[in-house]
Structure formats: C-alpha cells, structure tokens
Amino acid sequence: MVTVFNPIKIGGVRRLTLGEVHLATAVYGFSIRYNEVWIHRKSYLPFNLQAENYAMTPNGELYFQEGTYKDDFSMALIDSQHLFLHEMMHVYQHQRGMWVRTRGAFS
C-alpha cells in the first residue's frame, strides 16, 4: 500500500491515514467512526506536561509527543502499531460513552 500525505509539524493535527484505518479495521472492524478521529502531534496536557514517550487519548482524539508520533502508524514498527491500536481502543471506549478521561486520571 502506498501512502501519500503531507507530514504535520509539531503542534499540528491530522486525520487517520488510509493505512491506519485499514490497520484499525483489522482489529475493531467498523465499530469505530474513523472519520471522527484526529491525531495530534503535541501534548494533551497544558505546558507540555505529557511525557515524551507517552500517548494519550482522553477525548476520542490521539495525542502523541515526539517520542511516540509517527506520520503513518501503519508503516511503523510493530511496537508503534501496538501503541496506536491500544490508543484506538480508547477511541472506541470514548465513542461508546465511557468516561475515558476520568478513568485515566485515576489509573
């Protein structure tokens, strides 16, 4: 699969690539509204407090710092794909009304 995209700058935001949708569909099928998902290349927490090697998905959108961000997770190493799919589970939870942000604050 060939992916054509324009990489986003630090602090930017983008939609899922077709490869990422394909990857997530292999696990979650069509139970996620993929067209509503945004990937941020920045900290979710104010003052850049999110650690470099952490990803967060408190509100149905994925936030990756430089240590974890990839321009296309479907083309990344398996560890990065695993992290992406883990964060997509939080999207799934959020889209079903679960309080992901509240649960994350206490975990």
Protein backbone atom coordinates (compact mmCIF):
# COMPACT_ATOMS: atom_id res chain seq x y z
CA MET A 1 0.00 0.00 0.00
CA VAL A 2 1.39 3.39 -0.97
CA THR A 3 0.60 6.27 1.35
CA VAL A 4 0.72 9.84 0.11
CA PHE A 5 0.43 12.57 2.71
CA ASN A 6 1.95 15.77 3.94
CA PRO A 7 3.67 15.33 7.31
CA ILE A 8 2.38 17.63 10.02
CA LYS A 9 4.58 19.89 12.08
CA ILE A 10 4.96 19.71 15.85
CA GLY A 11 1.76 21.06 17.35
CA GLY A 12 -0.24 20.06 14.27
CA VAL A 13 -3.21 17.78 13.81
CA ARG A 14 -4.26 15.33 11.12
CA ARG A 15 -6.83 12.69 10.23
CA LEU A 16 -6.05 8.98 10.11
CA THR A 17 -4.25 7.76 7.00
CA LEU A 18 -5.92 5.08 4.88
CA GLY A 19 -3.30 2.63 6.12
CA GLU A 20 -4.13 3.43 9.75
CA VAL A 21 -7.84 2.94 9.08
CA HIS A 22 -7.04 -0.40 7.42
CA LEU A 23 -4.86 -1.44 10.38
CA ALA A 24 -7.51 -0.49 12.94
CA THR A 25 -10.28 -2.13 10.93
CA ALA A 26 -8.41 -5.44 11.17
CA VAL A 27 -8.89 -5.27 14.96
CA TYR A 28 -12.03 -3.18 15.54
CA GLY A 29 -13.94 -3.69 12.30
CA PHE A 30 -16.41 -0.90 11.69
CA SER A 31 -17.18 -0.32 15.38
CA ILE A 32 -15.22 2.97 15.36
CA ARG A 33 -16.24 6.10 13.45
CA TYR A 34 -12.80 6.57 11.87
CA ASN A 35 -13.79 9.80 10.12
CA GLU A 36 -14.13 11.48 13.54
CA VAL A 37 -10.64 10.61 14.78
CA TRP A 38 -7.87 13.21 14.92
CA ILE A 39 -4.18 12.61 15.65
CA HIS A 40 -2.35 15.44 17.42
CA ARG A 41 1.41 15.85 17.35
CA LYS A 42 1.56 17.59 20.71
CA SER A 43 0.92 17.22 24.41
CA TYR A 44 -2.66 16.89 25.59
CA LEU A 45 -1.64 18.31 28.96
CA PRO A 46 -1.03 22.04 29.37
CA PHE A 47 2.52 23.39 29.46
CA ASN A 48 3.72 20.34 27.51
CA LEU A 49 3.49 18.15 30.63
CA GLN A 50 2.77 14.93 28.73
CA ALA A 51 5.92 12.80 28.81
CA GLU A 52 7.79 12.36 25.51
CA ASN A 53 7.24 8.60 25.41
CA TYR A 54 3.52 8.71 26.29
CA ALA A 55 0.41 8.76 24.16
CA MET A 56 -2.96 9.90 25.48
CA THR A 57 -6.48 9.55 24.13
CA PRO A 58 -8.78 11.12 26.73
CA ASN A 59 -11.39 12.64 24.41
CA GLY A 60 -11.57 10.39 21.37
CA GLU A 61 -8.54 12.08 19.81
CA LEU A 62 -4.99 10.73 19.95
CA TYR A 63 -2.17 12.87 21.38
CA PHE A 64 1.39 11.77 20.64
CA GLN A 65 4.56 13.52 21.75
CA GLU A 66 7.69 13.39 19.59
CA GLY A 67 8.86 10.16 21.22
CA THR A 68 5.81 8.25 20.01
CA TYR A 69 4.41 10.15 16.99
CA LYS A 70 4.58 8.60 13.51
CA ASP A 71 3.43 10.13 10.21
CA ASP A 72 1.71 6.82 9.41
CA PHE A 73 1.42 4.20 12.14
CA SER A 74 0.52 1.52 9.59
CA MET A 75 4.04 1.84 8.14
CA ALA A 76 5.78 1.93 11.54
CA LEU A 77 7.46 -0.82 13.55
CA ILE A 78 5.21 -3.30 15.33
CA ASP A 79 5.69 -1.61 18.74
CA SER A 80 4.34 1.67 17.36
CA GLN A 81 1.45 -0.14 15.69
CA HIS A 82 0.64 -1.80 19.01
CA LEU A 83 0.61 1.59 20.75
CA PHE A 84 -1.62 3.03 18.02
CA LEU A 85 -4.09 0.15 18.31
CA HIS A 86 -4.09 0.49 22.11
CA GLU A 87 -4.96 4.18 21.80
CA MET A 88 -7.66 3.33 19.26
CA MET A 89 -9.29 1.20 21.99
CA HIS A 90 -9.68 4.41 23.99
CA VAL A 91 -11.33 5.99 20.94
CA TYR A 92 -13.70 3.01 20.87
CA GLN A 93 -14.45 3.47 24.57
CA HIS A 94 -14.99 7.22 24.20
CA GLN A 95 -17.34 6.77 21.25
CA ARG A 96 -19.44 4.43 23.41
CA GLY A 97 -19.82 6.96 26.20
CA MET A 98 -17.22 5.63 28.62
CA TRP A 99 -15.50 8.23 30.76
CA VAL A 100 -12.00 7.68 29.42
CA ARG A 101 -10.61 10.97 30.77
CA THR A 102 -11.94 10.35 34.29
CA ARG A 103 -10.79 6.74 34.38
CA GLY A 104 -7.36 7.71 33.07
CA ALA A 105 -6.94 10.31 35.80
CA PHE A 106 -7.28 7.61 38.45
CA SER A 107 -5.24 4.84 36.83
